Amino acid sequence: MLRQWERQNGNLKDVYRLLHQSRWNSALAPLIAVLQDSIQGRELDLLAKAYTSLPLHLAASRISLEEDSVAEQLVATRGWKYDASTGLLYPKAPDAAGNRTIGLQEFGKLADVVAHLEVRQESS
């Protein structure tokens, strides 16, 4: 999955489709949730750096959420502003020392460790 994402240079629709459609075992499911949160956080940070205002549909498509819930979520969790009359979101600039998100290489290593532990557990 990670290689597919890297190869397609960040084709997020395919990544989100894979994250949502695949059935993950109980050991990997929490890691997949962390990966999805990390991807969404990175995309939102990039949008906040690139735009002073952006259409609601653009933000929703970049983080794979429905338009009717994304404005409320971004206002509540990230301090963005939303103008319902224009349909525009106004991002709050991300903090320079913001929360650290997990990188793809780190996630790959973590997934390898979990897979190794799962194999060891099955053989016991």
PDB file of N, CA and C in Angstrom:
ATOM      1  N   MET A   1       0.824  -1.172   0.000  1.00  0.00           N
ATOM      2  CA  MET A   1       0.000   0.000   0.000  1.00  0.00           C
ATOM      3  C   MET A   1       0.880   1.251   0.000  1.00  0.00           C
ATOM      4  N   LEU A   2       1.898   1.271   0.855  1.00  0.00           N
ATOM      5  CA  LEU A   2       2.756   2.449   0.921  1.00  0.00           C
ATOM      6  C   LEU A   2       3.494   2.665  -0.386  1.00  0.00           C
ATOM      7  N   ARG A   3       3.954   1.578  -0.982  1.00  0.00           N
ATOM      8  CA  ARG A   3       4.659   1.699  -2.261  1.00  0.00           C
ATOM      9  C   ARG A   3       3.719   2.210  -3.352  1.00  0.00           C
ATOM     10  N   GLN A   4       2.465   1.746  -3.311  1.00  0.00           N
ATOM     11  CA  GLN A   4       1.492   2.225  -4.286  1.00  0.00           C
ATOM     12  C   GLN A   4       1.330   3.734  -4.151  1.00  0.00           C
ATOM     13  N   TRP A   5       1.241   4.219  -2.923  1.00  0.00           N
ATOM     14  CA  TRP A   5       1.068   5.646  -2.673  1.00  0.00           C
ATOM     15  C   TRP A   5       2.284   6.411  -3.182  1.00  0.00           C
ATOM     16  N   GLU A   6       3.483   5.923  -2.847  1.00  0.00           N
ATOM     17  CA  GLU A   6       4.693   6.601  -3.295  1.00  0.00           C
ATOM     18  C   GLU A   6       4.792   6.593  -4.814  1.00  0.00           C
ATOM     19  N   ARG A   7       4.465   5.465  -5.423  1.00  0.00           N
ATOM     20  CA  ARG A   7       4.567   5.320  -6.874  1.00  0.00           C
ATOM     21  C   ARG A   7       3.611   6.285  -7.579  1.00  0.00           C
ATOM     22  N   GLN A   8       2.443   6.471  -7.036  1.00  0.00           N
ATOM     23  CA  GLN A   8       1.458   7.346  -7.662  1.00  0.00           C
ATOM     24  C   GLN A   8       1.578   8.781  -7.162  1.00  0.00           C
ATOM     25  N   ASN A   9       2.640   9.033  -6.414  1.00  0.00           N
ATOM     26  CA  ASN A   9       2.947  10.389  -5.948  1.00  0.00           C
ATOM     27  C   ASN A   9       1.778  11.013  -5.189  1.00  0.00           C
ATOM     28  N   GLY A  10       1.248  10.239  -4.269  1.00  0.00           N
ATOM     29  CA  GLY A  10       0.238  10.808  -3.387  1.00  0.00           C
ATOM     30  C   GLY A  10      -1.177  10.803  -3.929  1.00  0.00           C
ATOM     31  N   ASN A  11      -1.564   9.825  -4.748  1.00  0.00           N
ATOM     32  CA  ASN A  11      -2.932   9.740  -5.221  1.00  0.00           C
ATOM     33  C   ASN A  11      -3.814   9.338  -4.048  1.00  0.00           C
ATOM     34  N   LEU A  12      -4.330  10.320  -3.356  1.00  0.00           N
ATOM     35  CA  LEU A  12      -5.019  10.077  -2.095  1.00  0.00           C
ATOM     36  C   LEU A  12      -6.328   9.321  -2.244  1.00  0.00           C
ATOM     37  N   LYS A  13      -7.022   9.493  -3.350  1.00  0.00           N
ATOM     38  CA  LYS A  13      -8.284   8.771  -3.510  1.00  0.00           C
ATOM     39  C   LYS A  13      -8.055   7.269  -3.472  1.00  0.00           C
ATOM     40  N   ASP A  14      -6.998   6.803  -4.132  1.00  0.00           N
ATOM     41  CA  ASP A  14      -6.677   5.380  -4.120  1.00  0.00           C
ATOM     42  C   ASP A  14      -6.254   4.923  -2.731  1.00  0.00           C
ATOM     43  N   VAL A  15      -5.488   5.747  -2.049  1.00  0.00           N
ATOM     44  CA  VAL A  15      -5.031   5.397  -0.704  1.00  0.00           C
ATOM     45  C   VAL A  15      -6.223   5.277   0.233  1.00  0.00           C
ATOM     46  N   TYR A  16      -7.108   6.280   0.225  1.00  0.00           N
ATOM     47  CA  TYR A  16      -8.274   6.221   1.102  1.00  0.00           C
ATOM     48  C   TYR A  16      -9.183   5.045   0.747  1.00  0.00           C
ATOM     49  N   ARG A  17      -9.352   4.778  -0.533  1.00  0.00           N
ATOM     50  CA  ARG A  17     -10.178   3.640  -0.949  1.00  0.00           C
ATOM     51  C   ARG A  17      -9.590   2.344  -0.387  1.00  0.00           C
ATOM     52  N   LEU A  18      -8.288   2.199  -0.490  1.00  0.00           N
ATOM     53  CA  LEU A  18      -7.624   1.010   0.034  1.00  0.00           C
ATOM     54  C   LEU A  18      -7.767   0.928   1.549  1.00  0.00           C
ATOM     55  N   LEU A  19      -7.609   2.039   2.234  1.00  0.00           N
ATOM     56  CA  LEU A  19      -7.746   2.037   3.690  1.00  0.00           C
ATOM     57  C   LEU A  19      -9.157   1.651   4.127  1.00  0.00           C
ATOM     58  N   HIS A  20     -10.166   2.137   3.401  1.00  0.00           N
ATOM     59  CA  HIS A  20     -11.554   1.880   3.783  1.00  0.00           C
ATOM     60  C   HIS A  20     -12.051   0.518   3.328  1.00  0.00           C
ATOM     61  N   GLN A  21     -11.600   0.044   2.181  1.00  0.00           N
ATOM     62  CA  GLN A  21     -12.155  -1.179   1.620  1.00  0.00           C
ATOM     63  C   GLN A  21     -11.468  -2.444   2.103  1.00  0.00           C
ATOM     64  N   SER A  22     -10.250  -2.328   2.526  1.00  0.00           N
ATOM     65  CA  SER A  22      -9.518  -3.515   2.954  1.00  0.00           C
ATOM     66  C   SER A  22      -9.949  -3.933   4.351  1.00  0.00           C
ATOM     67  N   ARG A  23      -9.928  -5.234   4.556  1.00  0.00           N
ATOM     68  CA  ARG A  23     -10.230  -5.762   5.887  1.00  0.00           C
ATOM     69  C   ARG A  23      -8.897  -5.976   6.591  1.00  0.00           C
ATOM     70  N   TRP A  24      -8.719  -5.291   7.686  1.00  0.00           N
ATOM     71  CA  TRP A  24      -7.459  -5.362   8.417  1.00  0.00           C
ATOM     72  C   TRP A  24      -7.653  -6.234   9.648  1.00  0.00           C
ATOM     73  N   ASN A  25      -6.645  -7.040   9.937  1.00  0.00           N
ATOM     74  CA  ASN A  25      -6.757  -7.864  11.141  1.00  0.00           C
ATOM     75  C   ASN A  25      -6.697  -6.968  12.376  1.00  0.00           C
ATOM     76  N   SER A  26      -7.047  -7.534  13.512  1.00  0.00           N
ATOM     77  CA  SER A  26      -7.176  -6.725  14.723  1.00  0.00           C
ATOM     78  C   SER A  26      -5.856  -6.091  15.154  1.00  0.00           C
ATOM     79  N   ALA A  27      -4.728  -6.683  14.804  1.00  0.00           N
ATOM     80  CA  ALA A  27      -3.440  -6.102  15.183  1.00  0.00           C
ATOM     81  C   ALA A  27      -3.095  -4.891  14.328  1.00  0.00           C
ATOM     82  N   LEU A  28      -3.496  -4.898  13.067  1.00  0.00           N
ATOM     83  CA  LEU A  28      -3.156  -3.800  12.162  1.00  0.00           C
ATOM     84  C   LEU A  28      -4.193  -2.687  12.137  1.00  0.00           C
ATOM     85  N   ALA A  29      -5.408  -2.965  12.544  1.00  0.00           N
ATOM     86  CA  ALA A  29      -6.470  -1.955  12.475  1.00  0.00           C
ATOM     87  C   ALA A  29      -6.112  -0.654  13.194  1.00  0.00           C
ATOM     88  N   PRO A  30      -5.535  -0.705  14.413  1.00  0.00           N
ATOM     89  CA  PRO A  30      -5.155   0.567  15.058  1.00  0.00           C
ATOM     90  C   PRO A  30      -4.064   1.311  14.290  1.00  0.00           C
ATOM     91  N   LEU A  31      -3.160   0.575  13.673  1.00  0.00           N
ATOM     92  CA  LEU A  31      -2.103   1.221  12.882  1.00  0.00           C
ATOM     93  C   LEU A  31      -2.679   1.885  11.640  1.00  0.00           C
ATOM     94  N   ILE A  32      -3.663   1.267  11.044  1.00  0.00           N
ATOM     95  CA  ILE A  32      -4.312   1.838   9.864  1.00  0.00           C
ATOM     96  C   ILE A  32      -5.031   3.124  10.254  1.00  0.00           C
ATOM     97  N   ALA A  33      -5.675   3.124  11.416  1.00  0.00           N
ATOM     98  CA  ALA A  33      -6.346   4.340  11.886  1.00  0.00           C
ATOM     99  C   ALA A  33      -5.331   5.464  12.108  1.00  0.00           C
ATOM    100  N   VAL A  34      -4.172   5.137  12.672  1.00  0.00           N
ATOM    101  CA  VAL A  34      -3.121   6.135  12.883  1.00  0.00           C
ATOM    102  C   VAL A  34      -2.608   6.649  11.547  1.00  0.00           C
ATOM    103  N   LEU A  35      -2.430   5.735  10.593  1.00  0.00           N
ATOM    104  CA  LEU A  35      -1.971   6.137   9.263  1.00  0.00           C
ATOM    105  C   LEU A  35      -2.976   7.086   8.615  1.00  0.00           C
ATOM    106  N   GLN A  36      -4.257   6.751   8.673  1.00  0.00           N
ATOM    107  CA  GLN A  36      -5.271   7.609   8.071  1.00  0.00           C
ATOM    108  C   GLN A  36      -5.300   8.972   8.750  1.00  0.00           C
ATOM    109  N   ASP A  37      -5.237   9.006  10.061  1.00  0.00           N
ATOM    110  CA  ASP A  37      -5.209  10.288  10.782  1.00  0.00           C
ATOM    111  C   ASP A  37      -3.989  11.108  10.394  1.00  0.00           C
ATOM    112  N   SER A  38      -2.862  10.426  10.238  1.00  0.00           N
ATOM    113  CA  SER A  38      -1.625  11.113   9.866  1.00  0.00           C
ATOM    114  C   SER A  38      -1.721  11.704   8.465  1.00  0.00           C
ATOM    115  N   ILE A  39      -2.272  10.936   7.537  1.00  0.00           N
ATOM    116  CA  ILE A  39      -2.440  11.421   6.163  1.00  0.00           C
ATOM    117  C   ILE A  39      -3.373  12.623   6.142  1.00  0.00           C
ATOM    118  N   GLN A  40      -4.496  12.499   6.853  1.00  0.00           N
ATOM    119  CA  GLN A  40      -5.446  13.606   6.897  1.00  0.00           C
ATOM    120  C   GLN A  40      -4.830  14.838   7.539  1.00  0.00           C
ATOM    121  N   GLY A  41      -4.098  14.663   8.623  1.00  0.00           N
ATOM    122  CA  GLY A  41      -3.456  15.790   9.287  1.00  0.00           C
ATOM    123  C   GLY A  41      -2.444  16.477   8.386  1.00  0.00           C
ATOM    124  N   ARG A  42      -1.668  15.682   7.670  1.00  0.00           N
ATOM    125  CA  ARG A  42      -0.676  16.247   6.754  1.00  0.00           C
ATOM    126  C   ARG A  42      -1.354  17.021   5.632  1.00  0.00           C
ATOM    127  N   GLU A  43      -2.414  16.471   5.097  1.00  0.00           N
ATOM    128  CA  GLU A  43      -3.142  17.155   4.027  1.00  0.00           C
ATOM    129  C   GLU A  43      -3.743  18.464   4.527  1.00  0.00           C
ATOM    130  N   LEU A  44      -4.308  18.448   5.715  1.00  0.00           N
ATOM    131  CA  LEU A  44      -4.895  19.667   6.263  1.00  0.00           C
ATOM    132  C   LEU A  44      -3.832  20.723   6.535  1.00  0.00           C
ATOM    133  N   ASP A  45      -2.666  20.286   7.012  1.00  0.00           N
ATOM    134  CA  ASP A  45      -1.561  21.235   7.216  1.00  0.00           C
ATOM    135  C   ASP A  45      -1.125  21.848   5.895  1.00  0.00           C
ATOM    136  N   LEU A  46      -1.044  21.021   4.854  1.00  0.00           N
ATOM    137  CA  LEU A  46      -0.662  21.535   3.536  1.00  0.00           C
ATOM    138  C   LEU A  46      -1.707  22.507   2.994  1.00  0.00           C
ATOM    139  N   LEU A  47      -2.984  22.183   3.168  1.00  0.00           N
ATOM    140  CA  LEU A  47      -4.045  23.086   2.725  1.00  0.00           C
ATOM    141  C   LEU A  47      -3.972  24.411   3.473  1.00  0.00           C
ATOM    142  N   ALA A  48      -3.711  24.334   4.781  1.00  0.00           N
ATOM    143  CA  ALA A  48      -3.632  25.555   5.586  1.00  0.00           C
ATOM    144  C   ALA A  48      -2.451  26.425   5.174  1.00  0.00           C
ATOM    145  N   LYS A  49      -1.380  25.804   4.737  1.00  0.00           N
ATOM    146  CA  LYS A  49      -0.218  26.567   4.270  1.00  0.00           C
ATOM    147  C   LYS A  49      -0.444  27.157   2.882  1.00  0.00           C
ATOM    148  N   ALA A  50      -1.219  26.454   2.065  1.00  0.00           N
ATOM    149  CA  ALA A  50      -1.389  26.853   0.663  1.00  0.00           C
ATOM    150  C   ALA A  50      -2.537  27.836   0.436  1.00  0.00           C
ATOM    151  N   TYR A  51      -3.547  27.823   1.301  1.00  0.00           N
ATOM    152  CA  TYR A  51      -4.748  28.625   1.056  1.00  0.00           C
ATOM    153  C   TYR A  51      -5.073  29.533   2.240  1.00  0.00           C
ATOM    154  N   THR A  52      -5.551  30.714   1.924  1.00  0.00           N
ATOM    155  CA  THR A  52      -6.144  31.551   2.965  1.00  0.00           C
ATOM    156  C   THR A  52      -7.638  31.286   3.047  1.00  0.00           C
ATOM    157  N   SER A  53      -8.214  30.811   1.955  1.00  0.00           N
ATOM    158  CA  SER A  53      -9.594  30.324   1.930  1.00  0.00           C
ATOM    159  C   SER A  53      -9.683  29.253   0.853  1.00  0.00           C
ATOM    160  N   LEU A  54     -10.564  28.287   1.064  1.00  0.00           N
ATOM    161  CA  LEU A  54     -10.723  27.229   0.079  1.00  0.00           C
ATOM    162  C   LEU A  54     -12.142  26.699   0.121  1.00  0.00           C
ATOM    163  N   PRO A  55     -12.617  26.179  -1.010  1.00  0.00           N
ATOM    164  CA  PRO A  55     -13.970  25.630  -1.051  1.00  0.00           C
ATOM    165  C   PRO A  55     -14.092  24.400  -0.161  1.00  0.00           C
ATOM    166  N   LEU A  56     -15.224  24.268   0.457  1.00  0.00           N
ATOM    167  CA  LEU A  56     -15.492  23.141   1.341  1.00  0.00           C
ATOM    168  C   LEU A  56     -15.258  21.813   0.630  1.00  0.00           C
ATOM    169  N   HIS A  57     -15.697  21.718  -0.624  1.00  0.00           N
ATOM    170  CA  HIS A  57     -15.570  20.451  -1.345  1.00  0.00           C
ATOM    171  C   HIS A  57     -14.111  20.048  -1.545  1.00  0.00           C
ATOM    172  N   LEU A  58     -13.210  21.023  -1.673  1.00  0.00           N
ATOM    173  CA  LEU A  58     -11.794  20.713  -1.840  1.00  0.00           C
ATOM    174  C   LEU A  58     -11.229  20.084  -0.568  1.00  0.00           C
ATOM    175  N   ALA A  59     -11.509  20.692   0.576  1.00  0.00           N
ATOM    176  CA  ALA A  59     -11.030  20.129   1.843  1.00  0.00           C
ATOM    177  C   ALA A  59     -11.617  18.737   2.067  1.00  0.00           C
ATOM    178  N   ALA A  60     -12.908  18.581   1.799  1.00  0.00           N
ATOM    179  CA  ALA A  60     -13.556  17.283   2.000  1.00  0.00           C
ATOM    180  C   ALA A  60     -12.932  16.206   1.124  1.00  0.00           C
ATOM    181  N   SER A  61     -12.654  16.537  -0.130  1.00  0.00           N
ATOM    182  CA  SER A  61     -12.091  15.533  -1.034  1.00  0.00           C
ATOM    183  C   SER A  61     -10.658  15.178  -0.651  1.00  0.00           C
ATOM    184  N   ARG A  62      -9.905  16.132  -0.121  1.00  0.00           N
ATOM    185  CA  ARG A  62      -8.501  15.871   0.236  1.00  0.00           C
ATOM    186  C   ARG A  62      -8.360  14.998   1.481  1.00  0.00           C
ATOM    187  N   ILE A  63      -9.388  14.963   2.330  1.00  0.00           N
ATOM    188  CA  ILE A  63      -9.291  14.126   3.528  1.00  0.00           C
ATOM    189  C   ILE A  63     -10.353  13.025   3.543  1.00  0.00           C
ATOM    190  N   SER A  64     -11.031  12.833   2.428  1.00  0.00           N
ATOM    191  CA  SER A  64     -11.988  11.741   2.245  1.00  0.00           C
ATOM    192  C   SER A  64     -13.093  11.734   3.295  1.00  0.00           C
ATOM    193  N   LEU A  65     -13.702  12.903   3.492  1.00  0.00           N
ATOM    194  CA  LEU A  65     -14.855  13.015   4.371  1.00  0.00           C
ATOM    195  C   LEU A  65     -16.002  13.663   3.615  1.00  0.00           C
ATOM    196  N   GLU A  66     -17.203  13.475   4.119  1.00  0.00           N
ATOM    197  CA  GLU A  66     -18.380  14.070   3.510  1.00  0.00           C
ATOM    198  C   GLU A  66     -18.412  15.568   3.785  1.00  0.00           C
ATOM    199  N   GLU A  67     -18.880  16.328   2.816  1.00  0.00           N
ATOM    200  CA  GLU A  67     -18.922  17.783   2.955  1.00  0.00           C
ATOM    201  C   GLU A  67     -19.769  18.233   4.135  1.00  0.00           C
ATOM    202  N   ASP A  68     -20.852  17.514   4.419  1.00  0.00           N
ATOM    203  CA  ASP A  68     -21.744  17.969   5.487  1.00  0.00           C
ATOM    204  C   ASP A  68     -21.128  17.838   6.882  1.00  0.00           C
ATOM    205  N   SER A  69     -20.062  17.063   7.021  1.00  0.00           N
ATOM    206  CA  SER A  69     -19.442  16.925   8.343  1.00  0.00           C
ATOM    207  C   SER A  69     -18.068  17.581   8.438  1.00  0.00           C
ATOM    208  N   VAL A  70     -17.442  17.857   7.311  1.00  0.00           N
ATOM    209  CA  VAL A  70     -16.059  18.333   7.349  1.00  0.00           C
ATOM    210  C   VAL A  70     -15.936  19.740   7.926  1.00  0.00           C
ATOM    211  N   ALA A  71     -16.859  20.641   7.598  1.00  0.00           N
ATOM    212  CA  ALA A  71     -16.762  22.011   8.115  1.00  0.00           C
ATOM    213  C   ALA A  71     -16.851  22.023   9.635  1.00  0.00           C
ATOM    214  N   GLU A  72     -17.827  21.326  10.169  1.00  0.00           N
ATOM    215  CA  GLU A  72     -18.000  21.282  11.618  1.00  0.00           C
ATOM    216  C   GLU A  72     -16.768  20.674  12.291  1.00  0.00           C
ATOM    217  N   GLN A  73     -16.234  19.624  11.701  1.00  0.00           N
ATOM    218  CA  GLN A  73     -15.056  18.968  12.275  1.00  0.00           C
ATOM    219  C   GLN A  73     -13.834  19.893  12.264  1.00  0.00           C
ATOM    220  N   LEU A  74     -13.602  20.571  11.158  1.00  0.00           N
ATOM    221  CA  LEU A  74     -12.426  21.436  11.059  1.00  0.00           C
ATOM    222  C   LEU A  74     -12.542  22.669  11.947  1.00  0.00           C
ATOM    223  N   VAL A  75     -13.741  23.190  12.102  1.00  0.00           N
ATOM    224  CA  VAL A  75     -13.953  24.324  13.003  1.00  0.00           C
ATOM    225  C   VAL A  75     -13.680  23.883  14.446  1.00  0.00           C
ATOM    226  N   ALA A  76     -14.185  22.714  14.810  1.00  0.00           N
ATOM    227  CA  ALA A  76     -14.047  22.234  16.188  1.00  0.00           C
ATOM    228  C   ALA A  76     -12.627  21.769  16.515  1.00  0.00           C
ATOM    229  N   THR A  77     -11.989  21.063  15.599  1.00  0.00           N
ATOM    230  CA  THR A  77     -10.706  20.440  15.931  1.00  0.00           C
ATOM    231  C   THR A  77      -9.481  21.254  15.532  1.00  0.00           C
ATOM    232  N   ARG A  78      -9.616  22.129  14.539  1.00  0.00           N
ATOM    233  CA  ARG A  78      -8.443  22.845  14.041  1.00  0.00           C
ATOM    234  C   ARG A  78      -8.574  24.358  14.120  1.00  0.00           C
ATOM    235  N   GLY A  79      -9.722  24.838  14.569  1.00  0.00           N
ATOM    236  CA  GLY A  79      -9.891  26.281  14.707  1.00  0.00           C
ATOM    237  C   GLY A  79     -10.105  27.007  13.388  1.00  0.00           C
ATOM    238  N   TRP A  80     -10.491  26.271  12.344  1.00  0.00           N
ATOM    239  CA  TRP A  80     -10.774  26.919  11.063  1.00  0.00           C
ATOM    240  C   TRP A  80     -12.101  27.649  11.171  1.00  0.00           C
ATOM    241  N   LYS A  81     -12.335  28.572  10.261  1.00  0.00           N
ATOM    242  CA  LYS A  81     -13.615  29.282  10.204  1.00  0.00           C
ATOM    243  C   LYS A  81     -14.335  28.847   8.923  1.00  0.00           C
ATOM    244  N   TYR A  82     -15.666  28.874   8.988  1.00  0.00           N
ATOM    245  CA  TYR A  82     -16.473  28.473   7.830  1.00  0.00           C
ATOM    246  C   TYR A  82     -17.556  29.499   7.582  1.00  0.00           C
ATOM    247  N   ASP A  83     -17.667  29.921   6.315  1.00  0.00           N
ATOM    248  CA  ASP A  83     -18.710  30.855   5.895  1.00  0.00           C
ATOM    249  C   ASP A  83     -19.703  30.069   5.048  1.00  0.00           C
ATOM    250  N   ALA A  84     -20.844  29.737   5.641  1.00  0.00           N
ATOM    251  CA  ALA A  84     -21.843  28.922   4.950  1.00  0.00           C
ATOM    252  C   ALA A  84     -22.421  29.637   3.733  1.00  0.00           C
ATOM    253  N   SER A  85     -22.446  30.971   3.746  1.00  0.00           N
ATOM    254  CA  SER A  85     -23.032  31.705   2.617  1.00  0.00           C
ATOM    255  C   SER A  85     -22.160  31.597   1.361  1.00  0.00           C
ATOM    256  N   THR A  86     -20.865  31.462   1.536  1.00  0.00           N
ATOM    257  CA  THR A  86     -19.961  31.336   0.376  1.00  0.00           C
ATOM    258  C   THR A  86     -19.460  29.914   0.186  1.00  0.00           C
ATOM    259  N   GLY A  87     -19.609  29.073   1.216  1.00  0.00           N
ATOM    260  CA  GLY A  87     -19.097  27.711   1.143  1.00  0.00           C
ATOM    261  C   GLY A  87     -17.581  27.633   1.258  1.00  0.00           C
ATOM    262  N   LEU A  88     -17.001  28.676   1.861  1.00  0.00           N
ATOM    263  CA  LEU A  88     -15.543  28.723   1.975  1.00  0.00           C
ATOM    264  C   LEU A  88     -15.081  28.434   3.405  1.00  0.00           C
ATOM    265  N   LEU A  89     -13.990  27.707   3.477  1.00  0.00           N
ATOM    266  CA  LEU A  89     -13.293  27.474   4.735  1.00  0.00           C
ATOM    267  C   LEU A  89     -12.110  28.413   4.811  1.00  0.00           C
ATOM    268  N   TYR A  90     -11.820  28.887   6.014  1.00  0.00           N
ATOM    269  CA  TYR A  90     -10.678  29.762   6.242  1.00  0.00           C
ATOM    270  C   TYR A  90      -9.750  29.057   7.234  1.00  0.00           C
ATOM    271  N   PRO A  91      -8.699  28.441   6.716  1.00  0.00           N
ATOM    272  CA  PRO A  91      -7.811  27.674   7.589  1.00  0.00           C
ATOM    273  C   PRO A  91      -7.053  28.543   8.576  1.00  0.00           C
ATOM    274  N   LYS A  92      -6.813  27.976   9.724  1.00  0.00           N
ATOM    275  CA  LYS A  92      -5.926  28.582  10.702  1.00  0.00           C
ATOM    276  C   LYS A  92      -4.534  28.058  10.374  1.00  0.00           C
ATOM    277  N   ALA A  93      -3.580  28.933  10.283  1.00  0.00           N
ATOM    278  CA  ALA A  93      -2.221  28.517   9.942  1.00  0.00           C
ATOM    279  C   ALA A  93      -1.715  27.523  10.981  1.00  0.00           C
ATOM    280  N   PRO A  94      -1.089  26.430  10.524  1.00  0.00           N
ATOM    281  CA  PRO A  94      -0.588  25.436  11.475  1.00  0.00           C
ATOM    282  C   PRO A  94       0.563  25.998  12.304  1.00  0.00           C
ATOM    283  N   ASP A  95       0.657  25.545  13.532  1.00  0.00           N
ATOM    284  CA  ASP A  95       1.766  25.941  14.400  1.00  0.00           C
ATOM    285  C   ASP A  95       3.065  25.385  13.841  1.00  0.00           C
ATOM    286  N   ALA A  96       4.106  26.184  13.933  1.00  0.00           N
ATOM    287  CA  ALA A  96       5.415  25.733  13.459  1.00  0.00           C
ATOM    288  C   ALA A  96       5.897  24.531  14.257  1.00  0.00           C
ATOM    289  N   ALA A  97       5.591  24.503  15.530  1.00  0.00           N
ATOM    290  CA  ALA A  97       5.999  23.381  16.383  1.00  0.00           C
ATOM    291  C   ALA A  97       4.791  22.512  16.685  1.00  0.00           C
ATOM    292  N   GLY A  98       3.996  22.226  15.668  1.00  0.00           N
ATOM    293  CA  GLY A  98       2.779  21.448  15.844  1.00  0.00           C
ATOM    294  C   GLY A  98       3.062  20.004  16.199  1.00  0.00           C
ATOM    295  N   ASN A  99       2.012  19.244  16.348  1.00  0.00           N
ATOM    296  CA  ASN A  99       2.148  17.838  16.684  1.00  0.00           C
ATOM    297  C   ASN A  99       2.896  17.099  15.589  1.00  0.00           C
ATOM    298  N   ARG A 100       3.727  16.202  16.001  1.00  0.00           N
ATOM    299  CA  ARG A 100       4.488  15.396  15.053  1.00  0.00           C
ATOM    300  C   ARG A 100       3.596  14.263  14.561  1.00  0.00           C
ATOM    301  N   THR A 101       3.553  14.076  13.260  1.00  0.00           N
ATOM    302  CA  THR A 101       2.778  12.980  12.699  1.00  0.00           C
ATOM    303  C   THR A 101       3.716  11.860  12.294  1.00  0.00           C
ATOM    304  N   ILE A 102       3.184  10.670  12.227  1.00  0.00           N
ATOM    305  CA  ILE A 102       3.989   9.514  11.857  1.00  0.00           C
ATOM    306  C   ILE A 102       4.288   9.562  10.363  1.00  0.00           C
ATOM    307  N   GLY A 103       5.513   9.315  10.008  1.00  0.00           N
ATOM    308  CA  GLY A 103       5.911   9.308   8.612  1.00  0.00           C
ATOM    309  C   GLY A 103       5.694   7.940   7.997  1.00  0.00           C
ATOM    310  N   LEU A 104       5.722   7.878   6.680  1.00  0.00           N
ATOM    311  CA  LEU A 104       5.493   6.618   5.995  1.00  0.00           C
ATOM    312  C   LEU A 104       6.556   5.581   6.325  1.00  0.00           C
ATOM    313  N   GLN A 105       7.802   5.991   6.423  1.00  0.00           N
ATOM    314  CA  GLN A 105       8.856   5.037   6.758  1.00  0.00           C
ATOM    315  C   GLN A 105       8.654   4.498   8.172  1.00  0.00           C
ATOM    316  N   GLU A 106       8.289   5.382   9.086  1.00  0.00           N
ATOM    317  CA  GLU A 106       8.035   4.943  10.456  1.00  0.00           C
ATOM    318  C   GLU A 106       6.854   3.982  10.500  1.00  0.00           C
ATOM    319  N   PHE A 107       5.823   4.288   9.750  1.00  0.00           N
ATOM    320  CA  PHE A 107       4.656   3.411   9.720  1.00  0.00           C
ATOM    321  C   PHE A 107       5.035   2.057   9.143  1.00  0.00           C
ATOM    322  N   GLY A 108       5.838   2.056   8.084  1.00  0.00           N
ATOM    323  CA  GLY A 108       6.274   0.796   7.480  1.00  0.00           C
ATOM    324  C   GLY A 108       7.049  -0.061   8.462  1.00  0.00           C
ATOM    325  N   LYS A 109       7.940   0.556   9.215  1.00  0.00           N
ATOM    326  CA  LYS A 109       8.707  -0.180  10.220  1.00  0.00           C
ATOM    327  C   LYS A 109       7.786  -0.737  11.301  1.00  0.00           C
ATOM    328  N   LEU A 110       6.844   0.090  11.750  1.00  0.00           N
ATOM    329  CA  LEU A 110       5.908  -0.342  12.770  1.00  0.00           C
ATOM    330  C   LEU A 110       5.045  -1.505  12.276  1.00  0.00           C
ATOM    331  N   ALA A 111       4.589  -1.421  11.044  1.00  0.00           N
ATOM    332  CA  ALA A 111       3.791  -2.503  10.465  1.00  0.00           C
ATOM    333  C   ALA A 111       4.611  -3.781  10.361  1.00  0.00           C
ATOM    334  N   ASP A 112       5.889  -3.668   9.999  1.00  0.00           N
ATOM    335  CA  ASP A 112       6.759  -4.845   9.924  1.00  0.00           C
ATOM    336  C   ASP A 112       6.918  -5.506  11.291  1.00  0.00           C
ATOM    337  N   VAL A 113       7.079  -4.701  12.327  1.00  0.00           N
ATOM    338  CA  VAL A 113       7.220  -5.236  13.682  1.00  0.00           C
ATOM    339  C   VAL A 113       5.942  -5.961  14.097  1.00  0.00           C
ATOM    340  N   VAL A 114       4.796  -5.345  13.848  1.00  0.00           N
ATOM    341  CA  VAL A 114       3.519  -5.973  14.214  1.00  0.00           C
ATOM    342  C   VAL A 114       3.336  -7.276  13.444  1.00  0.00           C
ATOM    343  N   ALA A 115       3.646  -7.273  12.154  1.00  0.00           N
ATOM    344  CA  ALA A 115       3.517  -8.500  11.359  1.00  0.00           C
ATOM    345  C   ALA A 115       4.439  -9.585  11.898  1.00  0.00           C
ATOM    346  N   HIS A 116       5.659  -9.219  12.257  1.00  0.00           N
ATOM    347  CA  HIS A 116       6.612 -10.194  12.824  1.00  0.00           C
ATOM    348  C   HIS A 116       6.076 -10.765  14.119  1.00  0.00           C
ATOM    349  N   LEU A 117       5.551  -9.919  14.989  1.00  0.00           N
ATOM    350  CA  LEU A 117       4.995 -10.392  16.256  1.00  0.00           C
ATOM    351  C   LEU A 117       3.788 -11.279  16.034  1.00  0.00           C
ATOM    352  N   GLU A 118       2.998 -10.969  15.031  1.00  0.00           N
ATOM    353  CA  GLU A 118       1.825 -11.784  14.725  1.00  0.00           C
ATOM    354  C   GLU A 118       2.241 -13.177  14.275  1.00  0.00           C
ATOM    355  N   VAL A 119       3.275 -13.256  13.458  1.00  0.00           N
ATOM    356  CA  VAL A 119       3.782 -14.551  12.987  1.00  0.00           C
ATOM    357  C   VAL A 119       4.310 -15.347  14.174  1.00  0.00           C
ATOM    358  N   ARG A 120       5.042 -14.698  15.067  1.00  0.00           N
ATOM    359  CA  ARG A 120       5.572 -15.378  16.252  1.00  0.00           C
ATOM    360  C   ARG A 120       4.447 -15.890  17.136  1.00  0.00           C
ATOM    361  N   GLN A 121       3.383 -15.101  17.260  1.00  0.00           N
ATOM    362  CA  GLN A 121       2.262 -15.488  18.106  1.00  0.00           C
ATOM    363  C   GLN A 121       1.549 -16.693  17.502  1.00  0.00           C
ATOM    364  N   GLU A 122       1.393 -16.727  16.181  1.00  0.00           N
ATOM    365  CA  GLU A 122       0.720 -17.844  15.522  1.00  0.00           C
ATOM    366  C   GLU A 122       1.516 -19.121  15.633  1.00  0.00           C
ATOM    367  N   SER A 123       2.842 -19.021  15.624  1.00  0.00           N
ATOM    368  CA  SER A 123       3.675 -20.221  15.690  1.00  0.00           C
ATOM    369  C   SER A 123       3.837 -20.763  17.105  1.00  0.00           C
ATOM    370  N   SER A 124       3.409 -19.978  18.093  1.00  0.00           N
ATOM    371  CA  SER A 124       3.533 -20.420  19.505  1.00  0.00           C
ATOM    372  C   SER A 124       2.443 -21.369  19.878  1.00  0.00           C
TER     373      SER A 124
END
